Amino acid sequence: MNQVLSKIGQVKANIDISGASSARSASLLCELVELQLMQNVMYQLPQSLMPFRQKIFSHYGQDGIIAEIFRRIGDGSRRFVETGVSPAQNNTNLLLLKGWRGLWIDAGLAKDEGLSTNLQILLREGKLKISRKLVNRDNGRTLLSSRGFAEDLDLISIGIDYNTHHIFTELLSLQPRMFCVAYNGMLPADLDWAAPYDAKAVWDGSTLHGATLGTISAAAEAGGYSLVGCELSGTDAFFVRHDLLQGQFLRPGDAMFHWEPLRMHLGQMQRHRSAMPLPA
């Protein structure tokens, strides 16, 4: 605790309080906010995932949480699918570095020749496949199946904003070891609400998109999964298959306990620019 308080004091001392805006000051302020948030006693409870959050390639701390979940439940085929992905910032670059194989799905991904050399090597070696399609409830299973990723999966990460919940419920039957799913942290966990399905819809920047954590968690339980934690930023929730829980997680399935409000400002901390994964 004394070390934490000392760190908070150091951060405060380095924040520009003159009124001048700077990226450095914003980053230090975000670090201070994170340090203070992490003093919440529930994050110190045994089996909590929050102490393991770490940003390497992910937008927030998803990299560390995903790694800790697989440390607890083990990995199988070391295969993943991620929807809504950018090459430099996503939830699965770290897995590629560890030798996993996977499929990225995003209509906005550059053509192969426009990707980094490292990614082009992974594509040629068959360790990474790409689908440049707008994924929705109607085509999700087909996209995965056509590229050989409809079975024997460890992770499915879904973060496409508007239709996330509908795609999640469609892919539940594929039974990966875990899901990482974006939820609407602007709405309370106990509100039962999901955006009406529209196959062509994309997020318009409004509050009404995706689904509440409670709605997603209820669908997960019905499909054989339990909520085991959320990212501090209030963006992603993590679900583990029932047969893999084995008493290793804190209050599984309790959406009210695990819910985090949206804290997009936590992504403002200055860090080294994310690099592309090297071939494993």
C-alpha atoms as a PDB file:
ATOM      1  CA  MET A   1       0.000   0.000   0.000  1.00  0.00           C
ATOM      2  CA  ASN A   2       2.794   2.448   0.876  1.00  0.00           C
ATOM      3  CA  GLN A   3       4.400   1.796  -2.516  1.00  0.00           C
ATOM      4  CA  VAL A   4       1.097   2.557  -4.243  1.00  0.00           C
ATOM      5  CA  LEU A   5       0.605   5.777  -2.307  1.00  0.00           C
ATOM      6  CA  SER A   6       4.165   6.793  -3.136  1.00  0.00           C
ATOM      7  CA  LYS A   7       3.517   6.127  -6.831  1.00  0.00           C
ATOM      8  CA  ILE A   8       0.312   8.190  -6.730  1.00  0.00           C
ATOM      9  CA  GLY A   9       2.275  11.024  -5.123  1.00  0.00           C
ATOM     10  CA  GLN A  10       4.909  10.854  -7.861  1.00  0.00           C
ATOM     11  CA  VAL A  11       2.245  10.997 -10.568  1.00  0.00           C
ATOM     12  CA  LYS A  12       0.527  13.962  -8.938  1.00  0.00           C
ATOM     13  CA  ALA A  13       3.841  15.774  -8.681  1.00  0.00           C
ATOM     14  CA  ASN A  14       4.461  15.396 -12.403  1.00  0.00           C
ATOM     15  CA  ILE A  15       1.056  16.522 -13.667  1.00  0.00           C
ATOM     16  CA  ASP A  16       1.108  19.907 -15.339  1.00  0.00           C
ATOM     17  CA  ILE A  17      -1.142  22.054 -13.132  1.00  0.00           C
ATOM     18  CA  SER A  18      -0.436  25.300 -14.960  1.00  0.00           C
ATOM     19  CA  GLY A  19      -3.506  24.877 -17.126  1.00  0.00           C
ATOM     20  CA  ALA A  20      -1.514  24.039 -20.231  1.00  0.00           C
ATOM     21  CA  SER A  21      -2.736  20.947 -21.985  1.00  0.00           C
ATOM     22  CA  SER A  22      -0.241  18.304 -22.984  1.00  0.00           C
ATOM     23  CA  ALA A  23      -0.272  14.643 -23.904  1.00  0.00           C
ATOM     24  CA  ARG A  24       2.186  13.968 -21.101  1.00  0.00           C
ATOM     25  CA  SER A  25      -0.066  15.558 -18.490  1.00  0.00           C
ATOM     26  CA  ALA A  26      -3.105  13.679 -19.808  1.00  0.00           C
ATOM     27  CA  SER A  27      -1.190  10.407 -19.644  1.00  0.00           C
ATOM     28  CA  LEU A  28      -0.036  11.043 -16.080  1.00  0.00           C
ATOM     29  CA  LEU A  29      -3.562  11.936 -15.032  1.00  0.00           C
ATOM     30  CA  CYS A  30      -4.869   8.692 -16.530  1.00  0.00           C
ATOM     31  CA  GLU A  31      -2.197   6.755 -14.662  1.00  0.00           C
ATOM     32  CA  LEU A  32      -3.278   8.432 -11.435  1.00  0.00           C
ATOM     33  CA  VAL A  33      -6.919   7.521 -12.111  1.00  0.00           C
ATOM     34  CA  GLU A  34      -5.972   3.886 -12.765  1.00  0.00           C
ATOM     35  CA  LEU A  35      -3.897   3.678  -9.589  1.00  0.00           C
ATOM     36  CA  GLN A  36      -6.736   5.076  -7.514  1.00  0.00           C
ATOM     37  CA  LEU A  37      -9.375   2.863  -9.129  1.00  0.00           C
ATOM     38  CA  MET A  38      -7.260  -0.223  -8.500  1.00  0.00           C
ATOM     39  CA  GLN A  39      -7.414   0.429  -4.734  1.00  0.00           C
ATOM     40  CA  ASN A  40     -11.009  -0.857  -4.754  1.00  0.00           C
ATOM     41  CA  VAL A  41     -11.093  -3.648  -2.178  1.00  0.00           C
ATOM     42  CA  MET A  42     -13.038  -5.988  -4.445  1.00  0.00           C
ATOM     43  CA  TYR A  43     -10.081  -6.068  -6.856  1.00  0.00           C
ATOM     44  CA  GLN A  44      -7.929  -7.403  -4.022  1.00  0.00           C
ATOM     45  CA  LEU A  45     -10.177 -10.396  -3.392  1.00  0.00           C
ATOM     46  CA  PRO A  46      -8.757 -13.852  -4.146  1.00  0.00           C
ATOM     47  CA  GLN A  47      -9.459 -15.019  -7.719  1.00  0.00           C
ATOM     48  CA  SER A  48     -10.126 -11.477  -9.002  1.00  0.00           C
ATOM     49  CA  LEU A  49      -8.879 -10.973 -12.556  1.00  0.00           C
ATOM     50  CA  MET A  50      -8.370  -7.223 -12.256  1.00  0.00           C
ATOM     51  CA  PRO A  51      -4.796  -7.330 -10.838  1.00  0.00           C
ATOM     52  CA  PHE A  52      -3.695  -9.135 -14.004  1.00  0.00           C
ATOM     53  CA  ARG A  53      -4.832  -6.524 -16.510  1.00  0.00           C
ATOM     54  CA  GLN A  54      -2.017  -5.472 -18.829  1.00  0.00           C
ATOM     55  CA  LYS A  55      -1.940  -3.540 -22.062  1.00  0.00           C
ATOM     56  CA  ILE A  56       0.504  -4.782 -24.679  1.00  0.00           C
ATOM     57  CA  PHE A  57      -1.486  -4.736 -27.920  1.00  0.00           C
ATOM     58  CA  SER A  58      -5.019  -4.397 -26.535  1.00  0.00           C
ATOM     59  CA  HIS A  59      -6.759  -1.047 -26.204  1.00  0.00           C
ATOM     60  CA  TYR A  60      -6.945  -1.381 -22.426  1.00  0.00           C
ATOM     61  CA  GLY A  61      -5.912  -4.267 -20.140  1.00  0.00           C
ATOM     62  CA  GLN A  62      -7.450  -7.163 -22.060  1.00  0.00           C
ATOM     63  CA  ASP A  63      -4.094  -8.746 -22.941  1.00  0.00           C
ATOM     64  CA  GLY A  64      -3.255  -9.510 -19.325  1.00  0.00           C
ATOM     65  CA  ILE A  65      -6.732 -10.675 -18.338  1.00  0.00           C
ATOM     66  CA  ILE A  66      -7.021 -13.055 -21.295  1.00  0.00           C
ATOM     67  CA  ALA A  67      -3.577 -14.477 -20.510  1.00  0.00           C
ATOM     68  CA  GLU A  68      -4.554 -15.065 -16.862  1.00  0.00           C
ATOM     69  CA  ILE A  69      -7.807 -16.778 -17.797  1.00  0.00           C
ATOM     70  CA  PHE A  70      -5.950 -19.230 -20.030  1.00  0.00           C
ATOM     71  CA  ARG A  71      -3.389 -19.758 -17.283  1.00  0.00           C
ATOM     72  CA  ARG A  72      -6.258 -20.936 -15.075  1.00  0.00           C
ATOM     73  CA  ILE A  73      -8.268 -22.994 -17.564  1.00  0.00           C
ATOM     74  CA  GLY A  74      -5.436 -24.062 -19.878  1.00  0.00           C
ATOM     75  CA  ASP A  75      -5.433 -23.729 -23.633  1.00  0.00           C
ATOM     76  CA  GLY A  76      -6.356 -26.404 -26.108  1.00  0.00           C
ATOM     77  CA  SER A  77      -5.866 -26.037 -29.835  1.00  0.00           C
ATOM     78  CA  ARG A  78      -4.501 -22.477 -29.451  1.00  0.00           C
ATOM     79  CA  ARG A  79      -6.900 -21.140 -32.060  1.00  0.00           C
ATOM     80  CA  PHE A  80      -8.831 -17.877 -31.912  1.00  0.00           C
ATOM     81  CA  VAL A  81     -11.262 -15.707 -33.836  1.00  0.00           C
ATOM     82  CA  GLU A  82     -11.476 -11.941 -33.391  1.00  0.00           C
ATOM     83  CA  THR A  83     -14.086  -9.695 -34.984  1.00  0.00           C
ATOM     84  CA  GLY A  84     -13.738  -5.927 -35.074  1.00  0.00           C
ATOM     85  CA  VAL A  85      -9.962  -5.779 -35.209  1.00  0.00           C
ATOM     86  CA  SER A  86      -7.195  -3.399 -36.245  1.00  0.00           C
ATOM     87  CA  PRO A  87      -3.714  -4.813 -36.960  1.00  0.00           C
ATOM     88  CA  ALA A  88      -1.854  -2.786 -34.341  1.00  0.00           C
ATOM     89  CA  GLN A  89      -4.422  -2.713 -31.531  1.00  0.00           C
ATOM     90  CA  ASN A  90      -6.509  -5.771 -30.726  1.00  0.00           C
ATOM     91  CA  ASN A  91      -6.989  -8.620 -28.256  1.00  0.00           C
ATOM     92  CA  THR A  92      -5.092 -11.343 -30.137  1.00  0.00           C
ATOM     93  CA  ASN A  93      -1.704 -10.023 -31.327  1.00  0.00           C
ATOM     94  CA  LEU A  94      -0.177 -11.337 -28.114  1.00  0.00           C
ATOM     95  CA  LEU A  95      -1.590 -14.790 -28.833  1.00  0.00           C
ATOM     96  CA  LEU A  96       0.032 -14.718 -32.284  1.00  0.00           C
ATOM     97  CA  LEU A  97       3.345 -13.960 -30.597  1.00  0.00           C
ATOM     98  CA  LYS A  98       2.812 -17.053 -28.461  1.00  0.00           C
ATOM     99  CA  GLY A  99       2.401 -19.232 -31.540  1.00  0.00           C
ATOM    100  CA  TRP A 100      -1.388 -19.365 -31.764  1.00  0.00           C
ATOM    101  CA  ARG A 101      -3.298 -19.439 -35.042  1.00  0.00           C
ATOM    102  CA  GLY A 102      -6.288 -17.306 -35.724  1.00  0.00           C
ATOM    103  CA  LEU A 103      -8.820 -15.553 -37.902  1.00  0.00           C
ATOM    104  CA  TRP A 104      -9.406 -11.800 -38.013  1.00  0.00           C
ATOM    105  CA  ILE A 105     -12.719 -10.519 -39.353  1.00  0.00           C
ATOM    106  CA  ASP A 106     -13.147  -6.846 -40.182  1.00  0.00           C
ATOM    107  CA  ALA A 107     -14.382  -5.070 -43.311  1.00  0.00           C
ATOM    108  CA  GLY A 108     -11.877  -2.276 -42.770  1.00  0.00           C
ATOM    109  CA  LEU A 109      -8.697  -4.379 -42.797  1.00  0.00           C
ATOM    110  CA  ALA A 110      -6.144  -3.382 -45.436  1.00  0.00           C
ATOM    111  CA  LYS A 111      -5.369  -5.690 -48.336  1.00  0.00           C
ATOM    112  CA  ASP A 112      -2.547  -8.160 -47.743  1.00  0.00           C
ATOM    113  CA  GLU A 113       0.020  -6.009 -49.510  1.00  0.00           C
ATOM    114  CA  GLY A 114      -0.913  -3.065 -47.289  1.00  0.00           C
ATOM    115  CA  LEU A 115      -0.209  -4.949 -44.071  1.00  0.00           C
ATOM    116  CA  SER A 116       3.114  -5.056 -42.261  1.00  0.00           C
ATOM    117  CA  THR A 117       5.800  -7.500 -43.375  1.00  0.00           C
ATOM    118  CA  ASN A 118       5.361  -9.480 -40.161  1.00  0.00           C
ATOM    119  CA  LEU A 119       1.651  -9.967 -40.777  1.00  0.00           C
ATOM    120  CA  GLN A 120       2.250 -10.906 -44.407  1.00  0.00           C
ATOM    121  CA  ILE A 121       4.607 -13.653 -43.221  1.00  0.00           C
ATOM    122  CA  LEU A 122       1.972 -14.959 -40.793  1.00  0.00           C
ATOM    123  CA  LEU A 123      -0.584 -14.967 -43.609  1.00  0.00           C
ATOM    124  CA  ARG A 124       1.734 -16.867 -45.962  1.00  0.00           C
ATOM    125  CA  GLU A 125       2.502 -19.434 -43.271  1.00  0.00           C
ATOM    126  CA  GLY A 126      -1.203 -19.944 -42.600  1.00  0.00           C
ATOM    127  CA  LYS A 127      -0.924 -18.854 -38.961  1.00  0.00           C
ATOM    128  CA  LEU A 128      -3.300 -15.959 -39.551  1.00  0.00           C
ATOM    129  CA  LYS A 129      -6.305 -15.754 -41.851  1.00  0.00           C
ATOM    130  CA  ILE A 130      -8.324 -12.652 -42.665  1.00  0.00           C
ATOM    131  CA  SER A 131     -11.921 -12.067 -43.706  1.00  0.00           C
ATOM    132  CA  ARG A 132     -12.700  -8.559 -44.942  1.00  0.00           C
ATOM    133  CA  LYS A 133     -16.445  -8.816 -44.441  1.00  0.00           C
ATOM    134  CA  LEU A 134     -18.977  -6.963 -42.314  1.00  0.00           C
ATOM    135  CA  VAL A 135     -19.877  -9.727 -39.886  1.00  0.00           C
ATOM    136  CA  ASN A 136     -23.466 -10.035 -38.656  1.00  0.00           C
ATOM    137  CA  ARG A 137     -25.824 -12.607 -37.184  1.00  0.00           C
ATOM    138  CA  ASP A 138     -26.684 -14.006 -40.606  1.00  0.00           C
ATOM    139  CA  ASN A 139     -23.193 -14.647 -41.944  1.00  0.00           C
ATOM    140  CA  GLY A 140     -21.059 -15.131 -38.822  1.00  0.00           C
ATOM    141  CA  ARG A 141     -20.992 -18.932 -38.699  1.00  0.00           C
ATOM    142  CA  THR A 142     -20.498 -19.130 -42.481  1.00  0.00           C
ATOM    143  CA  LEU A 143     -17.493 -16.778 -42.369  1.00  0.00           C
ATOM    144  CA  LEU A 144     -15.838 -18.860 -39.666  1.00  0.00           C
ATOM    145  CA  SER A 145     -16.650 -22.165 -41.334  1.00  0.00           C
ATOM    146  CA  SER A 146     -15.394 -21.102 -44.770  1.00  0.00           C
ATOM    147  CA  ARG A 147     -11.972 -20.377 -43.273  1.00  0.00           C
ATOM    148  CA  GLY A 148     -11.778 -23.450 -41.071  1.00  0.00           C
ATOM    149  CA  PHE A 149     -12.558 -21.777 -37.745  1.00  0.00           C
ATOM    150  CA  ALA A 150     -15.985 -23.135 -36.848  1.00  0.00           C
ATOM    151  CA  GLU A 151     -14.772 -25.687 -34.297  1.00  0.00           C
ATOM    152  CA  ASP A 152     -12.000 -26.519 -31.821  1.00  0.00           C
ATOM    153  CA  LEU A 153     -11.570 -22.889 -30.721  1.00  0.00           C
ATOM    154  CA  ASP A 154     -10.088 -21.470 -27.535  1.00  0.00           C
ATOM    155  CA  LEU A 155     -11.186 -17.846 -27.852  1.00  0.00           C
ATOM    156  CA  ILE A 156     -13.765 -15.832 -29.732  1.00  0.00           C
ATOM    157  CA  SER A 157     -13.404 -12.077 -29.224  1.00  0.00           C
ATOM    158  CA  ILE A 158     -16.338  -9.946 -30.415  1.00  0.00           C
ATOM    159  CA  GLY A 159     -16.175  -6.167 -30.508  1.00  0.00           C
ATOM    160  CA  ILE A 160     -18.169  -4.675 -33.356  1.00  0.00           C
ATOM    161  CA  ASP A 161     -20.293  -2.260 -31.320  1.00  0.00           C
ATOM    162  CA  TYR A 162     -23.832  -2.250 -32.725  1.00  0.00           C
ATOM    163  CA  ASN A 163     -24.610  -5.946 -33.395  1.00  0.00           C
ATOM    164  CA  THR A 164     -22.193  -7.493 -30.872  1.00  0.00           C
ATOM    165  CA  HIS A 165     -24.907  -9.191 -28.799  1.00  0.00           C
ATOM    166  CA  HIS A 166     -26.642 -10.755 -31.799  1.00  0.00           C
ATOM    167  CA  ILE A 167     -23.380 -12.170 -33.151  1.00  0.00           C
ATOM    168  CA  PHE A 168     -22.473 -13.478 -29.702  1.00  0.00           C
ATOM    169  CA  THR A 169     -25.717 -15.409 -29.339  1.00  0.00           C
ATOM    170  CA  GLU A 170     -25.268 -16.852 -32.843  1.00  0.00           C
ATOM    171  CA  LEU A 171     -21.707 -18.054 -32.127  1.00  0.00           C
ATOM    172  CA  LEU A 172     -22.387 -19.467 -28.646  1.00  0.00           C
ATOM    173  CA  SER A 173     -23.034 -22.919 -30.044  1.00  0.00           C
ATOM    174  CA  LEU A 174     -19.436 -23.107 -31.350  1.00  0.00           C
ATOM    175  CA  GLN A 175     -18.406 -23.634 -27.694  1.00  0.00           C
ATOM    176  CA  PRO A 176     -14.909 -22.109 -27.526  1.00  0.00           C
ATOM    177  CA  ARG A 177     -13.180 -22.249 -24.154  1.00  0.00           C
ATOM    178  CA  MET A 178     -13.876 -18.572 -23.569  1.00  0.00           C
ATOM    179  CA  PHE A 179     -15.468 -15.457 -25.064  1.00  0.00           C
ATOM    180  CA  CYS A 180     -14.369 -11.835 -24.813  1.00  0.00           C
ATOM    181  CA  VAL A 181     -17.407  -9.673 -25.631  1.00  0.00           C
ATOM    182  CA  ALA A 182     -17.821  -5.904 -25.786  1.00  0.00           C
ATOM    183  CA  TYR A 183     -20.746  -4.623 -23.713  1.00  0.00           C
ATOM    184  CA  ASN A 184     -22.444  -1.269 -23.365  1.00  0.00           C
ATOM    185  CA  GLY A 185     -20.889   0.215 -20.244  1.00  0.00           C
ATOM    186  CA  MET A 186     -22.947   3.399 -20.578  1.00  0.00           C
ATOM    187  CA  LEU A 187     -26.066   1.489 -19.495  1.00  0.00           C
ATOM    188  CA  PRO A 188     -26.592  -0.225 -16.113  1.00  0.00           C
ATOM    189  CA  ALA A 189     -26.012  -3.952 -15.785  1.00  0.00           C
ATOM    190  CA  ASP A 190     -29.528  -4.712 -14.515  1.00  0.00           C
ATOM    191  CA  LEU A 191     -31.223  -3.169 -17.562  1.00  0.00           C
ATOM    192  CA  ASP A 192     -32.393  -5.859 -19.985  1.00  0.00           C
ATOM    193  CA  TRP A 193     -31.690  -4.228 -23.340  1.00  0.00           C
ATOM    194  CA  ALA A 194     -30.019  -4.991 -26.668  1.00  0.00           C
ATOM    195  CA  ALA A 195     -29.941  -2.905 -29.839  1.00  0.00           C
ATOM    196  CA  PRO A 196     -32.547  -4.083 -32.365  1.00  0.00           C
ATOM    197  CA  TYR A 197     -30.921  -6.283 -34.964  1.00  0.00           C
ATOM    198  CA  ASP A 198     -29.981  -4.696 -38.282  1.00  0.00           C
ATOM    199  CA  ALA A 199     -27.585  -6.691 -40.471  1.00  0.00           C
ATOM    200  CA  LYS A 200     -26.070  -3.548 -42.005  1.00  0.00           C
ATOM    201  CA  ALA A 201     -25.981  -1.357 -38.928  1.00  0.00           C
ATOM    202  CA  VAL A 202     -22.773   0.177 -37.595  1.00  0.00           C
ATOM    203  CA  TRP A 203     -22.309   2.230 -34.456  1.00  0.00           C
ATOM    204  CA  ASP A 204     -23.379   5.852 -34.928  1.00  0.00           C
ATOM    205  CA  GLY A 205     -21.604   7.071 -31.799  1.00  0.00           C
ATOM    206  CA  SER A 206     -24.760   7.187 -29.688  1.00  0.00           C
ATOM    207  CA  THR A 207     -25.477   5.521 -26.349  1.00  0.00           C
ATOM    208  CA  LEU A 208     -27.829   2.979 -27.917  1.00  0.00           C
ATOM    209  CA  HIS A 209     -25.623   0.223 -29.268  1.00  0.00           C
ATOM    210  CA  GLY A 210     -24.655  -3.347 -28.362  1.00  0.00           C
ATOM    211  CA  ALA A 211     -26.281  -4.667 -25.193  1.00  0.00           C
ATOM    212  CA  THR A 212     -26.099  -4.308 -21.432  1.00  0.00           C
ATOM    213  CA  LEU A 213     -23.874  -6.591 -19.402  1.00  0.00           C
ATOM    214  CA  GLY A 214     -26.905  -8.223 -17.778  1.00  0.00           C
ATOM    215  CA  THR A 215     -28.458  -9.099 -21.132  1.00  0.00           C
ATOM    216  CA  ILE A 216     -25.230 -10.568 -22.478  1.00  0.00           C
ATOM    217  CA  SER A 217     -24.559 -12.441 -19.235  1.00  0.00           C
ATOM    218  CA  ALA A 218     -28.037 -14.007 -19.246  1.00  0.00           C
ATOM    219  CA  ALA A 219     -27.531 -15.227 -22.823  1.00  0.00           C
ATOM    220  CA  ALA A 220     -24.123 -16.598 -21.840  1.00  0.00           C
ATOM    221  CA  GLU A 221     -25.549 -18.582 -18.915  1.00  0.00           C
ATOM    222  CA  ALA A 222     -28.236 -20.056 -21.141  1.00  0.00           C
ATOM    223  CA  GLY A 223     -25.522 -21.028 -23.628  1.00  0.00           C
ATOM    224  CA  GLY A 224     -23.230 -22.717 -21.097  1.00  0.00           C
ATOM    225  CA  TYR A 225     -20.925 -19.843 -20.055  1.00  0.00           C
ATOM    226  CA  SER A 226     -20.466 -17.668 -16.984  1.00  0.00           C
ATOM    227  CA  LEU A 227     -19.242 -14.109 -16.667  1.00  0.00           C
ATOM    228  CA  VAL A 228     -15.918 -14.130 -14.773  1.00  0.00           C
ATOM    229  CA  GLY A 229     -14.909 -10.464 -14.987  1.00  0.00           C
ATOM    230  CA  CYS A 230     -14.904  -7.177 -16.890  1.00  0.00           C
ATOM    231  CA  GLU A 231     -12.124  -4.849 -18.011  1.00  0.00           C
ATOM    232  CA  LEU A 232     -11.638  -1.783 -15.798  1.00  0.00           C
ATOM    233  CA  SER A 233     -12.462   0.435 -18.794  1.00  0.00           C
ATOM    234  CA  GLY A 234     -16.025  -0.918 -18.915  1.00  0.00           C
ATOM    235  CA  THR A 235     -15.596  -2.110 -22.496  1.00  0.00           C
ATOM    236  CA  ASP A 236     -15.155  -5.911 -22.533  1.00  0.00           C
ATOM    237  CA  ALA A 237     -16.554  -8.798 -20.502  1.00  0.00           C
ATOM    238  CA  PHE A 238     -15.017 -12.268 -20.195  1.00  0.00           C
ATOM    239  CA  PHE A 239     -16.991 -15.517 -20.217  1.00  0.00           C
ATOM    240  CA  VAL A 240     -15.691 -19.028 -19.460  1.00  0.00           C
ATOM    241  CA  ARG A 241     -17.397 -22.301 -20.377  1.00  0.00           C
ATOM    242  CA  HIS A 242     -19.123 -23.919 -17.399  1.00  0.00           C
ATOM    243  CA  ASP A 243     -17.069 -27.111 -17.463  1.00  0.00           C
ATOM    244  CA  LEU A 244     -13.840 -25.092 -17.120  1.00  0.00           C
ATOM    245  CA  LEU A 245     -14.782 -22.888 -14.160  1.00  0.00           C
ATOM    246  CA  GLN A 246     -13.774 -25.409 -11.476  1.00  0.00           C
ATOM    247  CA  GLY A 247     -13.953 -22.886  -8.652  1.00  0.00           C
ATOM    248  CA  GLN A 248     -11.154 -20.756 -10.111  1.00  0.00           C
ATOM    249  CA  PHE A 249     -13.055 -17.478 -10.533  1.00  0.00           C
ATOM    250  CA  LEU A 250     -14.641 -14.867  -8.294  1.00  0.00           C
ATOM    251  CA  ARG A 251     -18.461 -14.913  -8.227  1.00  0.00           C
ATOM    252  CA  PRO A 252     -19.015 -16.308 -11.741  1.00  0.00           C
ATOM    253  CA  GLY A 253     -22.194 -15.133 -13.427  1.00  0.00           C
ATOM    254  CA  ASP A 254     -22.738 -12.141 -11.113  1.00  0.00           C
ATOM    255  CA  ALA A 255     -23.225  -9.274 -13.570  1.00  0.00           C
ATOM    256  CA  MET A 256     -23.986  -6.680 -10.885  1.00  0.00           C
ATOM    257  CA  PHE A 257     -20.748  -7.513  -9.067  1.00  0.00           C
ATOM    258  CA  HIS A 258     -18.474  -7.539 -12.130  1.00  0.00           C
ATOM    259  CA  TRP A 259     -19.987  -4.581 -14.030  1.00  0.00           C
ATOM    260  CA  GLU A 260     -17.658  -1.669 -14.722  1.00  0.00           C
ATOM    261  CA  PRO A 261     -18.883   1.683 -16.102  1.00  0.00           C
ATOM    262  CA  LEU A 262     -17.461   2.949 -19.356  1.00  0.00           C
ATOM    263  CA  ARG A 263     -14.096   4.651 -18.786  1.00  0.00           C
ATOM    264  CA  MET A 264     -12.755   5.335 -22.267  1.00  0.00           C
ATOM    265  CA  HIS A 265     -10.369   7.962 -20.872  1.00  0.00           C
ATOM    266  CA  LEU A 266      -8.165   5.152 -19.543  1.00  0.00           C
ATOM    267  CA  GLY A 267      -6.984   4.618 -23.113  1.00  0.00           C
ATOM    268  CA  GLN A 268      -5.277   8.020 -23.117  1.00  0.00           C
ATOM    269  CA  MET A 269      -2.150   6.856 -21.300  1.00  0.00           C
ATOM    270  CA  GLN A 270       1.026   7.323 -23.334  1.00  0.00           C
ATOM    271  CA  ARG A 271       2.770   4.089 -24.190  1.00  0.00           C
ATOM    272  CA  HIS A 272       5.157   2.902 -26.853  1.00  0.00           C
ATOM    273  CA  ARG A 273       3.549   2.564 -30.264  1.00  0.00           C
ATOM    274  CA  SER A 274       2.150  -0.938 -30.745  1.00  0.00           C
ATOM    275  CA  ALA A 275       4.216  -3.042 -33.124  1.00  0.00           C
ATOM    276  CA  MET A 276       2.964  -5.856 -35.327  1.00  0.00           C
ATOM    277  CA  PRO A 277       3.496  -9.405 -34.068  1.00  0.00           C
ATOM    278  CA  LEU A 278       6.597 -11.224 -35.224  1.00  0.00           C
ATOM    279  CA  PRO A 279       6.226 -14.704 -36.661  1.00  0.00           C
ATOM    280  CA  ALA A 280       6.399 -17.290 -33.889  1.00  0.00           C
END
